[in-house]
Amino acid sequence: MLNIQMRAAVTGFWLRHWKVDCLHDHKLSAPEYLLWLKNHQTLYGVENLELVPGYQESTEQY
């Protein structure tokens, strides 16, 4: 497990750069998605979520 602290403003950019699957059920099947986000609550307050791989707007709150 890897824990990284960063500002919310750059989170979307880094998750995209590292190709982290951020779907709740981790269904991105492309071979480049070797990492997945375990704790989705960490995305609370991130404004640039549209950059995050697998991001989908939902009524569910992180």
N, C-alpha and C. Protein backbone atom coordinates (compact mmCIF):
# COMPACT_ATOMS: atom_id res chain seq x y z
N MET A 1 0.86 -1.16 0.00
CA MET A 1 0.00 0.00 0.00
C MET A 1 0.91 1.23 0.00
N LEU A 2 0.50 2.24 -0.74
CA LEU A 2 1.26 3.48 -0.87
C LEU A 2 0.39 4.63 -0.40
N ASN A 3 0.88 5.40 0.55
CA ASN A 3 0.17 6.58 1.04
C ASN A 3 0.94 7.82 0.61
N ILE A 4 0.26 8.72 -0.08
CA ILE A 4 0.88 9.95 -0.56
C ILE A 4 -0.01 11.11 -0.16
N GLN A 5 0.58 12.14 0.39
CA GLN A 5 -0.17 13.35 0.71
C GLN A 5 0.14 14.40 -0.34
N MET A 6 -0.93 15.04 -0.86
CA MET A 6 -0.76 16.10 -1.85
C MET A 6 -1.92 17.07 -1.74
N ARG A 7 -1.76 18.20 -2.33
CA ARG A 7 -2.83 19.19 -2.34
C ARG A 7 -3.96 18.72 -3.24
N ALA A 8 -5.19 19.05 -2.85
CA ALA A 8 -6.37 18.65 -3.62
C ALA A 8 -6.31 19.20 -5.04
N ALA A 9 -5.68 20.36 -5.21
CA ALA A 9 -5.63 21.01 -6.52
C ALA A 9 -4.87 20.19 -7.56
N VAL A 10 -3.93 19.35 -7.15
CA VAL A 10 -3.15 18.58 -8.12
C VAL A 10 -3.51 17.09 -8.13
N THR A 11 -4.43 16.68 -7.29
CA THR A 11 -4.78 15.27 -7.17
C THR A 11 -5.26 14.66 -8.48
N GLY A 12 -6.17 15.34 -9.17
CA GLY A 12 -6.68 14.83 -10.44
C GLY A 12 -5.60 14.64 -11.47
N PHE A 13 -4.67 15.57 -11.54
CA PHE A 13 -3.57 15.47 -12.50
C PHE A 13 -2.68 14.26 -12.20
N TRP A 14 -2.34 14.04 -10.92
CA TRP A 14 -1.47 12.93 -10.56
C TRP A 14 -2.16 11.58 -10.71
N LEU A 15 -3.43 11.48 -10.37
CA LEU A 15 -4.14 10.21 -10.56
C LEU A 15 -4.20 9.84 -12.03
N ARG A 16 -4.34 10.84 -12.89
CA ARG A 16 -4.34 10.58 -14.34
C ARG A 16 -2.93 10.22 -14.82
N HIS A 17 -1.93 10.92 -14.34
CA HIS A 17 -0.55 10.65 -14.74
C HIS A 17 -0.12 9.24 -14.33
N TRP A 18 -0.49 8.82 -13.12
CA TRP A 18 -0.13 7.49 -12.63
C TRP A 18 -1.10 6.42 -13.10
N LYS A 19 -2.14 6.82 -13.85
CA LYS A 19 -3.14 5.89 -14.40
C LYS A 19 -3.77 5.02 -13.30
N VAL A 20 -4.35 5.70 -12.31
CA VAL A 20 -4.99 5.03 -11.19
C VAL A 20 -6.48 4.85 -11.49
N ASP A 21 -6.96 3.63 -11.44
CA ASP A 21 -8.37 3.32 -11.64
C ASP A 21 -9.15 3.81 -10.42
N CYS A 22 -10.02 4.78 -10.61
CA CYS A 22 -10.75 5.37 -9.49
C CYS A 22 -12.22 4.98 -9.47
N LEU A 23 -12.62 3.99 -10.24
CA LEU A 23 -13.99 3.48 -10.16
C LEU A 23 -14.17 2.72 -8.85
N HIS A 24 -15.38 2.76 -8.32
CA HIS A 24 -15.66 2.06 -7.05
C HIS A 24 -15.48 0.56 -7.19
N ASP A 25 -15.76 0.01 -8.38
CA ASP A 25 -15.65 -1.44 -8.57
C ASP A 25 -14.41 -1.83 -9.37
N HIS A 26 -13.55 -0.89 -9.67
CA HIS A 26 -12.26 -1.13 -10.35
C HIS A 26 -12.43 -1.92 -11.64
N LYS A 27 -13.22 -1.40 -12.55
CA LYS A 27 -13.53 -2.11 -13.79
C LYS A 27 -12.75 -1.63 -15.01
N LEU A 28 -11.86 -0.65 -14.86
CA LEU A 28 -11.07 -0.24 -16.01
C LEU A 28 -10.15 -1.39 -16.38
N SER A 29 -10.35 -1.95 -17.56
CA SER A 29 -9.66 -3.19 -17.90
C SER A 29 -8.43 -2.99 -18.79
N ALA A 30 -8.14 -1.77 -19.17
CA ALA A 30 -6.97 -1.54 -20.01
C ALA A 30 -5.71 -1.93 -19.25
N PRO A 31 -4.72 -2.47 -19.93
CA PRO A 31 -3.52 -2.96 -19.24
C PRO A 31 -2.72 -1.87 -18.52
N GLU A 32 -2.91 -0.62 -18.88
CA GLU A 32 -2.13 0.44 -18.22
C GLU A 32 -2.65 0.79 -16.82
N TYR A 33 -3.84 0.33 -16.45
CA TYR A 33 -4.40 0.62 -15.14
C TYR A 33 -4.03 -0.48 -14.15
N LEU A 34 -2.82 -0.42 -13.64
CA LEU A 34 -2.33 -1.41 -12.69
C LEU A 34 -2.60 -1.01 -11.24
N LEU A 35 -2.93 0.26 -11.03
CA LEU A 35 -3.20 0.76 -9.68
C LEU A 35 -4.67 1.09 -9.54
N TRP A 36 -5.20 0.98 -8.32
CA TRP A 36 -6.58 1.39 -8.08
C TRP A 36 -6.66 2.09 -6.75
N LEU A 37 -7.62 3.01 -6.66
CA LEU A 37 -7.81 3.81 -5.47
C LEU A 37 -8.64 3.04 -4.46
N LYS A 38 -8.10 2.82 -3.29
CA LYS A 38 -8.79 2.03 -2.26
C LYS A 38 -9.78 2.87 -1.47
N ASN A 39 -9.42 4.08 -1.09
CA ASN A 39 -10.24 4.92 -0.22
C ASN A 39 -10.79 6.10 -1.03
N HIS A 40 -12.01 5.99 -1.48
CA HIS A 40 -12.61 7.05 -2.31
C HIS A 40 -12.94 8.30 -1.53
N GLN A 41 -12.99 8.21 -0.22
CA GLN A 41 -13.25 9.39 0.60
C GLN A 41 -12.12 10.39 0.49
N THR A 42 -10.96 9.95 0.06
CA THR A 42 -9.84 10.87 -0.09
C THR A 42 -10.05 11.86 -1.23
N LEU A 43 -11.02 11.61 -2.09
CA LEU A 43 -11.30 12.52 -3.20
C LEU A 43 -12.22 13.66 -2.80
N TYR A 44 -12.68 13.67 -1.55
CA TYR A 44 -13.56 14.74 -1.08
C TYR A 44 -12.82 16.07 -1.15
N GLY A 45 -13.42 17.03 -1.81
CA GLY A 45 -12.82 18.36 -1.93
C GLY A 45 -11.97 18.55 -3.16
N VAL A 46 -11.77 17.51 -3.94
CA VAL A 46 -10.98 17.63 -5.16
C VAL A 46 -11.87 18.21 -6.25
N GLU A 47 -11.47 19.33 -6.80
CA GLU A 47 -12.31 20.02 -7.79
C GLU A 47 -12.09 19.54 -9.21
N ASN A 48 -10.95 18.95 -9.52
CA ASN A 48 -10.66 18.55 -10.90
C ASN A 48 -10.83 17.05 -11.10
N LEU A 49 -11.93 16.50 -10.59
CA LEU A 49 -12.19 15.07 -10.70
C LEU A 49 -12.44 14.60 -12.13
N GLU A 50 -12.81 15.50 -13.02
CA GLU A 50 -13.04 15.08 -14.40
C GLU A 50 -11.76 14.58 -15.05
N LEU A 51 -10.61 14.84 -14.47
CA LEU A 51 -9.33 14.34 -14.98
C LEU A 51 -9.02 12.93 -14.50
N VAL A 52 -9.71 12.47 -13.48
CA VAL A 52 -9.42 11.19 -12.84
C VAL A 52 -9.93 10.04 -13.70
N PRO A 53 -9.07 9.02 -13.98
CA PRO A 53 -9.51 7.87 -14.77
C PRO A 53 -10.67 7.14 -14.10
N GLY A 54 -11.74 6.98 -14.83
CA GLY A 54 -12.91 6.28 -14.32
C GLY A 54 -13.87 7.15 -13.56
N TYR A 55 -13.61 8.44 -13.51
CA TYR A 55 -14.49 9.33 -12.75
C TYR A 55 -15.88 9.36 -13.37
N GLN A 56 -16.89 9.21 -12.52
CA GLN A 56 -18.28 9.33 -12.95
C GLN A 56 -19.01 10.11 -11.91
N GLU A 57 -19.78 11.10 -12.34
CA GLU A 57 -20.59 11.84 -11.37
C GLU A 57 -21.65 10.91 -10.83
N SER A 58 -21.87 11.00 -9.54
CA SER A 58 -22.90 10.16 -8.93
C SER A 58 -23.56 10.95 -7.82
N THR A 59 -24.67 10.43 -7.34
CA THR A 59 -25.36 11.05 -6.22
C THR A 59 -24.72 10.66 -4.92
N GLU A 60 -23.86 9.66 -4.96
CA GLU A 60 -23.16 9.20 -3.77
C GLU A 60 -22.08 10.20 -3.41
N GLN A 61 -21.98 10.52 -2.15
CA GLN A 61 -20.98 11.49 -1.72
C GLN A 61 -19.79 10.76 -1.12
N TYR A 62 -18.61 11.21 -1.46
CA TYR A 62 -17.39 10.57 -0.96
C TYR A 62 -17.29 10.83 0.47
